[in-house]
Amino acid sequence: MISVNKLLIIIIPVLLLTGCDKPESSENDKNISQAELNNFIKNIKTNLIFVEGGNFEMGDFGEKLYGAQIDPYPDSKPLHTVELTSYSMSKFKISNRDYHLFLDYYHQSVRDVRDALKDDWAEYNSTPETPARIDWYEAADYCAWLGKMTGLPFSLPTEAQWEYAARSRGQFMVLPTNTGKADIEFHSGGKNRGVNLGTEFDREQYALKSGTRLRFYSSLPGDAFPPNPLGIYDMAGNGFEWVNDWYDPDYYINSPHKDPRGPEKPGFEYKGKGYQKAVRSSDTYNGIVGSTVGRTFRSPKVTEGDFPENMTARCVINSPVPVNQ
């Protein structure tokens, strides 16, 4: 018969060995080291542009300068004076790389989509340097998380902040590019290459290079083209950008002069799709969308099983002094 002491000697090593075995990590259980997080925060701060506040005439200035409107829709009128407090804005739209780190921090995976969309969704998420495709709530949560990580007042930009920065502190610029216009090299066969913003051909070439089948639906890296004179990239295309404001087509009529933040509560509904959030920029420049003054709207929440096909964002810091890096 085995004595109690001998039995304990046998059992205890077995228990210790069993206790040392860690369960297999689930697919979204990613560990982020403190060094990786510190480097991420450093990059976020480094990639900020301080935007000194001031007064500017917000809205479609086309009739004032050129005798014809820039935006074909009436929502970007009337031209009205706005005064903004200084703030800092990210040079770049939120990239897949940064958004996926945010998801990993909370042990979350990218949104689940229905089977018909899974292949495309996987490819959109496979290029770390392209803008993340996110709905308004995902964008707002990401900016709030940056605030938690840095102790700084991060948020989505207001419409006024976005337009002021796109126009390089309120200058009369039609497009938020380095020249204020679209510079494109025209070639036969539709192989038109963008000099300061992406074309359909550029997107197809990037899809081939990155190994996706997205063709001209592909996004481009956020730094693929020069920034605007203020130093901010990718404001003319490569994804519509969420802003903080609820959308109101008549908001400019009664907009406050100082630091407007959009309607206090949602009021504009669109064809049974609920209240809408304002968006800026564009997915692809086509001669109309992508201007500094054009505004439109989208439903802030994307239906379960779908994904935000052309929606992204960037964050701002609502502080009147530059951020110490």
Protein backbone atom coordinates (compact mmCIF):
# COMPACT_ATOMS: atom_id res chain seq x y z
CA MET A 1 0.00 0.00 0.00
CA ILE A 2 1.26 3.50 -0.85
CA SER A 3 1.61 5.73 2.20
CA VAL A 4 -0.07 9.14 2.38
CA ASN A 5 3.30 10.90 2.27
CA LYS A 6 4.35 9.06 -0.89
CA LEU A 7 0.99 9.81 -2.51
CA LEU A 8 1.44 13.51 -1.82
CA ILE A 9 4.91 13.39 -3.34
CA ILE A 10 3.41 11.96 -6.54
CA ILE A 11 0.37 14.28 -6.71
CA ILE A 12 2.01 17.64 -5.95
CA PRO A 13 4.49 17.64 -8.90
CA VAL A 14 1.64 16.69 -11.22
CA LEU A 15 -0.46 19.62 -9.96
CA LEU A 16 2.44 22.01 -10.30
CA LEU A 17 3.06 20.91 -13.86
CA THR A 18 -0.63 21.24 -14.69
CA GLY A 19 -0.74 24.72 -13.18
CA CYS A 20 2.15 25.83 -15.39
CA ASP A 21 0.28 25.00 -18.59
CA LYS A 22 -1.38 28.20 -19.94
CA PRO A 23 -4.57 27.87 -21.91
CA GLU A 24 -4.23 28.62 -25.59
CA SER A 25 -4.74 32.30 -26.30
CA SER A 26 -7.83 33.17 -28.25
CA GLU A 27 -7.33 34.86 -31.61
CA ASN A 28 -8.04 38.34 -30.21
CA ASP A 29 -6.14 37.93 -26.94
CA LYS A 30 -3.13 39.99 -27.98
CA ASN A 31 -0.54 41.15 -25.47
CA ILE A 32 0.76 44.68 -25.93
CA SER A 33 4.01 45.41 -24.17
CA GLN A 34 4.53 48.66 -22.33
CA ALA A 35 7.37 49.48 -24.70
CA GLU A 36 5.05 49.02 -27.69
CA LEU A 37 2.40 51.21 -26.06
CA ASN A 38 4.96 53.90 -25.20
CA ASN A 39 6.20 53.93 -28.79
CA PHE A 40 2.63 54.19 -30.05
CA ILE A 41 1.89 57.17 -27.78
CA LYS A 42 5.15 58.84 -28.83
CA ASN A 43 4.20 58.49 -32.50
CA ILE A 44 0.70 59.83 -31.88
CA LYS A 45 2.16 62.95 -30.24
CA THR A 46 4.85 63.35 -32.90
CA ASN A 47 2.24 63.25 -35.66
CA LEU A 48 0.25 66.21 -34.36
CA ILE A 49 0.00 69.58 -36.07
CA PHE A 50 -0.67 72.60 -33.87
CA VAL A 51 -3.38 74.70 -35.50
CA GLU A 52 -3.29 78.28 -34.24
CA GLY A 53 -6.84 79.58 -33.87
CA GLY A 54 -8.32 82.67 -35.44
CA ASN A 55 -11.22 84.01 -37.49
CA PHE A 56 -12.22 82.74 -40.92
CA GLU A 57 -15.18 82.74 -43.25
CA MET A 58 -16.58 79.23 -43.10
CA GLY A 59 -18.58 77.75 -45.94
CA ASP A 60 -18.72 77.93 -49.72
CA PHE A 61 -16.69 81.00 -50.71
CA GLY A 62 -16.96 80.29 -54.44
CA GLU A 63 -19.45 83.00 -55.30
CA LYS A 64 -17.43 85.57 -53.36
CA LEU A 65 -14.19 84.76 -55.20
CA TYR A 66 -15.18 83.19 -58.50
CA GLY A 67 -18.80 84.13 -59.08
CA ALA A 68 -19.92 80.50 -58.85
CA GLN A 69 -20.37 78.08 -55.99
CA ILE A 70 -17.82 75.33 -55.29
CA ASP A 71 -20.16 72.87 -53.62
CA PRO A 72 -23.16 71.97 -55.84
CA TYR A 73 -25.35 71.45 -52.78
CA PRO A 74 -26.85 74.27 -50.67
CA ASP A 75 -25.82 72.86 -47.27
CA SER A 76 -22.43 74.62 -47.22
CA LYS A 77 -24.02 78.08 -47.28
CA PRO A 78 -24.26 80.82 -46.20
CA LEU A 79 -20.67 81.98 -45.78
CA HIS A 80 -20.33 83.00 -42.13
CA THR A 81 -17.55 84.17 -39.82
CA VAL A 82 -16.26 81.74 -37.22
CA GLU A 83 -13.66 82.21 -34.48
CA LEU A 84 -11.76 79.13 -33.36
CA THR A 85 -9.62 78.48 -30.32
CA SER A 86 -6.25 76.87 -31.09
CA TYR A 87 -6.08 73.05 -31.16
CA SER A 88 -3.89 70.22 -32.45
CA MET A 89 -4.87 67.79 -35.21
CA SER A 90 -3.43 64.47 -36.29
CA LYS A 91 -1.43 64.62 -39.52
CA PHE A 92 -3.01 61.34 -40.58
CA LYS A 93 -6.30 59.54 -40.69
CA ILE A 94 -6.55 56.67 -38.22
CA SER A 95 -4.60 53.81 -39.78
CA ASN A 96 -5.40 50.12 -39.64
CA ARG A 97 -2.18 49.66 -37.69
CA ASP A 98 -3.21 52.09 -34.95
CA TYR A 99 -6.84 51.05 -34.81
CA HIS A 100 -5.93 47.37 -34.55
CA LEU A 101 -3.60 48.17 -31.65
CA PHE A 102 -6.57 49.82 -29.94
CA LEU A 103 -8.61 46.66 -30.51
CA ASP A 104 -5.77 44.48 -29.22
CA TYR A 105 -5.53 46.63 -26.07
CA TYR A 106 -9.12 45.71 -25.23
CA HIS A 107 -8.75 42.12 -26.50
CA GLN A 108 -11.27 42.75 -29.24
CA SER A 109 -11.30 41.60 -32.84
CA VAL A 110 -12.41 43.57 -35.87
CA ARG A 111 -16.14 43.68 -36.46
CA ASP A 112 -17.82 40.55 -37.70
CA VAL A 113 -19.45 40.81 -41.11
CA ARG A 114 -21.77 38.57 -43.07
CA ASP A 115 -20.23 35.85 -45.22
CA ALA A 116 -20.64 37.73 -48.52
CA LEU A 117 -18.39 40.54 -47.21
CA LYS A 118 -15.75 38.56 -45.32
CA ASP A 119 -13.16 38.38 -48.11
CA ASP A 120 -13.28 42.10 -48.92
CA TRP A 121 -13.31 43.01 -45.22
CA ALA A 122 -10.25 40.88 -44.57
CA GLU A 123 -8.41 42.59 -47.41
CA TYR A 124 -9.34 46.09 -46.25
CA ASN A 125 -7.84 45.17 -42.87
CA SER A 126 -4.71 43.56 -44.32
CA THR A 127 -2.85 46.79 -45.15
CA PRO A 128 -1.59 48.39 -41.92
CA GLU A 129 -0.72 51.76 -43.48
CA THR A 130 -4.15 52.50 -45.01
CA PRO A 131 -7.02 54.26 -43.17
CA ALA A 132 -9.17 52.15 -40.86
CA ARG A 133 -12.78 51.78 -41.96
CA ILE A 134 -14.87 52.59 -38.89
CA ASP A 135 -18.27 53.96 -37.99
CA TRP A 136 -18.77 57.11 -35.91
CA TYR A 137 -18.97 55.32 -32.58
CA GLU A 138 -15.82 53.32 -33.28
CA ALA A 139 -14.02 56.54 -34.27
CA ALA A 140 -15.22 58.39 -31.16
CA ASP A 141 -14.19 55.46 -28.92
CA TYR A 142 -10.72 55.40 -30.48
CA CYS A 143 -10.18 59.14 -29.91
CA ALA A 144 -11.45 58.81 -26.32
CA TRP A 145 -8.98 55.95 -25.79
CA LEU A 146 -6.14 58.18 -26.98
CA GLY A 147 -7.25 60.61 -24.29
CA LYS A 148 -7.11 57.83 -21.69
CA MET A 149 -3.64 56.73 -22.82
CA THR A 150 -2.15 60.23 -22.96
CA GLY A 151 -4.14 62.25 -20.44
CA LEU A 152 -4.86 64.76 -23.22
CA PRO A 153 -8.31 66.01 -24.34
CA PHE A 154 -8.61 64.00 -27.56
CA SER A 155 -11.85 63.90 -29.53
CA LEU A 156 -13.15 63.90 -33.06
CA PRO A 157 -12.80 67.34 -34.69
CA THR A 158 -15.76 69.64 -35.12
CA GLU A 159 -16.79 70.53 -38.66
CA ALA A 160 -15.34 73.99 -38.14
CA GLN A 161 -12.00 72.60 -36.93
CA TRP A 162 -11.84 70.23 -39.89
CA GLU A 163 -12.55 72.94 -42.47
CA TYR A 164 -10.23 75.49 -40.86
CA ALA A 165 -7.35 72.97 -40.95
CA ALA A 166 -8.20 71.74 -44.46
CA ARG A 167 -8.01 75.34 -45.65
CA SER A 168 -4.67 75.85 -43.86
CA ARG A 169 -6.09 78.14 -41.20
CA GLY A 170 -9.03 79.39 -43.22
CA GLN A 171 -7.36 80.37 -46.49
CA PHE A 172 -9.53 80.37 -49.60
CA MET A 173 -8.37 76.94 -50.82
CA VAL A 174 -10.73 74.85 -52.92
CA LEU A 175 -8.97 71.53 -52.28
CA PRO A 176 -7.01 70.56 -49.15
CA THR A 177 -3.89 69.63 -51.13
CA ASN A 178 -0.42 71.16 -51.17
CA THR A 179 -1.37 73.40 -54.13
CA GLY A 180 -5.06 73.94 -53.39
CA LYS A 181 -6.02 72.07 -56.57
CA ALA A 182 -5.88 68.57 -58.07
CA ASP A 183 -2.58 67.86 -59.83
CA ILE A 184 -2.83 64.78 -62.04
CA GLU A 185 -0.59 63.35 -64.77
CA PHE A 186 -2.91 62.35 -67.59
CA HIS A 187 -1.88 59.31 -69.63
CA SER A 188 -3.54 57.26 -72.35
CA GLY A 189 -5.57 54.22 -71.42
CA GLY A 190 -6.82 55.79 -68.20
CA LYS A 191 -3.45 55.41 -66.50
CA ASN A 192 -3.71 58.81 -64.86
CA ARG A 193 -1.38 59.16 -61.90
CA GLY A 194 -2.03 61.51 -59.06
CA VAL A 195 0.65 64.02 -58.10
CA ASN A 196 -1.01 65.27 -54.92
CA LEU A 197 -4.08 63.04 -54.50
CA GLY A 198 -5.04 59.50 -55.42
CA THR A 199 -6.63 58.43 -58.68
CA GLU A 200 -8.42 55.23 -59.64
CA PHE A 201 -5.23 54.06 -61.35
CA ASP A 202 -3.17 54.78 -58.21
CA ARG A 203 -5.54 52.68 -56.13
CA GLU A 204 -5.42 49.79 -58.57
CA GLN A 205 -1.62 49.87 -58.61
CA TYR A 206 -1.48 49.87 -54.82
CA ALA A 207 -3.88 46.91 -54.67
CA LEU A 208 -1.58 44.97 -56.99
CA LYS A 209 1.47 45.93 -54.93
CA SER A 210 -0.14 45.00 -51.62
CA GLY A 211 -1.52 41.72 -52.92
CA THR A 212 -5.23 42.42 -52.55
CA ARG A 213 -8.00 42.01 -55.11
CA LEU A 214 -9.66 45.29 -54.22
CA ARG A 215 -8.57 47.04 -57.43
CA PHE A 216 -9.80 50.66 -57.55
CA TYR A 217 -11.80 50.12 -54.33
CA SER A 218 -8.53 49.94 -52.45
CA SER A 219 -7.43 52.65 -50.05
CA LEU A 220 -3.97 54.19 -50.23
CA PRO A 221 -1.34 54.74 -47.52
CA GLY A 222 -1.99 57.92 -45.56
CA ASP A 223 1.32 59.51 -46.57
CA ALA A 224 1.15 58.57 -50.26
CA PHE A 225 0.90 62.23 -51.34
CA PRO A 226 2.16 65.58 -50.00
CA PRO A 227 0.34 67.24 -47.09
CA ASN A 228 -1.51 70.53 -47.31
CA PRO A 229 0.48 73.71 -46.46
CA LEU A 230 -0.36 73.23 -42.78
CA GLY A 231 1.28 69.78 -42.83
CA ILE A 232 -1.87 67.63 -42.69
CA TYR A 233 -2.18 64.65 -45.04
CA ASP A 234 -4.93 63.00 -46.99
CA MET A 235 -7.79 65.48 -46.56
CA ALA A 236 -8.96 65.47 -50.20
CA GLY A 237 -9.81 61.77 -50.51
CA ASN A 238 -8.98 58.24 -49.37
CA GLY A 239 -12.05 58.03 -47.14
CA PHE A 240 -14.74 60.33 -45.81
CA GLU A 241 -13.89 61.61 -42.34
CA TRP A 242 -16.24 61.62 -39.38
CA VAL A 243 -16.53 64.83 -37.40
CA ASN A 244 -18.12 65.34 -34.00
CA ASP A 245 -21.19 67.32 -35.14
CA TRP A 246 -24.69 66.09 -35.72
CA TYR A 247 -25.74 67.04 -39.22
CA ASP A 248 -28.16 69.87 -39.94
CA PRO A 249 -28.48 71.18 -43.52
CA ASP A 250 -29.46 74.62 -42.17
CA TYR A 251 -26.92 74.82 -39.35
CA TYR A 252 -24.84 77.56 -40.98
CA ILE A 253 -27.80 79.97 -40.78
CA ASN A 254 -27.69 79.99 -36.97
CA SER A 255 -24.17 78.74 -36.26
CA PRO A 256 -22.50 80.34 -33.20
CA HIS A 257 -19.60 82.65 -33.93
CA LYS A 258 -17.25 81.16 -31.34
CA ASP A 259 -16.12 77.50 -31.56
CA PRO A 260 -19.30 76.04 -33.12
CA ARG A 261 -19.87 72.39 -32.28
CA GLY A 262 -22.92 71.58 -34.37
CA PRO A 263 -26.52 71.16 -33.18
CA GLU A 264 -26.94 70.55 -29.46
CA LYS A 265 -29.10 67.53 -30.24
CA PRO A 266 -29.82 65.50 -33.37
CA GLY A 267 -32.65 66.75 -35.53
CA PHE A 268 -32.03 65.69 -39.13
CA GLU A 269 -33.20 62.23 -40.18
CA TYR A 270 -32.61 60.74 -43.62
CA LYS A 271 -35.04 58.37 -45.34
CA GLY A 272 -35.80 56.29 -42.30
CA LYS A 273 -32.12 55.75 -41.49
CA GLY A 274 -32.15 57.75 -38.29
CA TYR A 275 -30.25 60.84 -37.23
CA GLN A 276 -27.12 61.65 -39.20
CA LYS A 277 -23.58 62.74 -38.37
CA ALA A 278 -21.67 65.24 -40.51
CA VAL A 279 -18.74 63.96 -42.56
CA ARG A 280 -16.01 65.70 -44.56
CA SER A 281 -13.38 64.84 -47.18
CA SER A 282 -14.34 62.14 -49.71
CA ASP A 283 -13.65 58.57 -50.70
CA THR A 284 -12.38 59.40 -54.19
CA TYR A 285 -11.88 62.81 -55.73
CA ASN A 286 -14.06 63.16 -58.83
CA GLY A 287 -13.99 66.90 -59.53
CA ILE A 288 -16.84 67.65 -57.12
CA VAL A 289 -16.43 65.88 -53.79
CA GLY A 290 -13.28 66.35 -51.74
CA SER A 291 -13.38 70.14 -51.60
CA THR A 292 -12.57 72.02 -48.42
CA VAL A 293 -16.14 73.30 -48.08
CA GLY A 294 -18.25 70.33 -49.19
CA ARG A 295 -20.22 68.64 -46.42
CA THR A 296 -22.42 65.59 -46.32
CA PHE A 297 -23.73 63.05 -43.80
CA ARG A 298 -23.86 59.38 -42.88
CA SER A 299 -25.61 57.20 -40.29
CA PRO A 300 -23.26 57.01 -37.29
CA LYS A 301 -23.92 53.33 -36.63
CA VAL A 302 -23.24 50.75 -39.31
CA THR A 303 -25.73 47.90 -39.49
CA GLU A 304 -24.62 44.65 -37.86
CA GLY A 305 -23.02 42.38 -40.42
CA ASP A 306 -21.95 45.29 -42.63
CA PHE A 307 -18.81 47.41 -42.53
CA PRO A 308 -18.14 51.13 -43.14
CA GLU A 309 -17.07 50.98 -46.77
CA ASN A 310 -15.53 54.43 -47.08
CA MET A 311 -15.64 56.01 -43.62
CA THR A 312 -12.64 56.88 -41.50
CA ALA A 313 -11.54 59.68 -39.15
CA ARG A 314 -8.73 61.57 -37.48
CA CYS A 315 -8.52 62.98 -33.96
CA VAL A 316 -7.82 66.40 -32.46
CA ILE A 317 -6.65 67.67 -29.07
CA ASN A 318 -8.81 70.48 -27.72
CA SER A 319 -6.05 72.42 -25.99
CA PRO A 320 -5.01 75.99 -26.87
CA VAL A 321 -1.32 75.19 -26.36
CA PRO A 322 0.96 72.83 -28.31
CA VAL A 323 1.48 69.33 -26.92
CA ASN A 324 4.87 68.59 -25.40
CA GLN A 325 6.39 65.66 -27.20
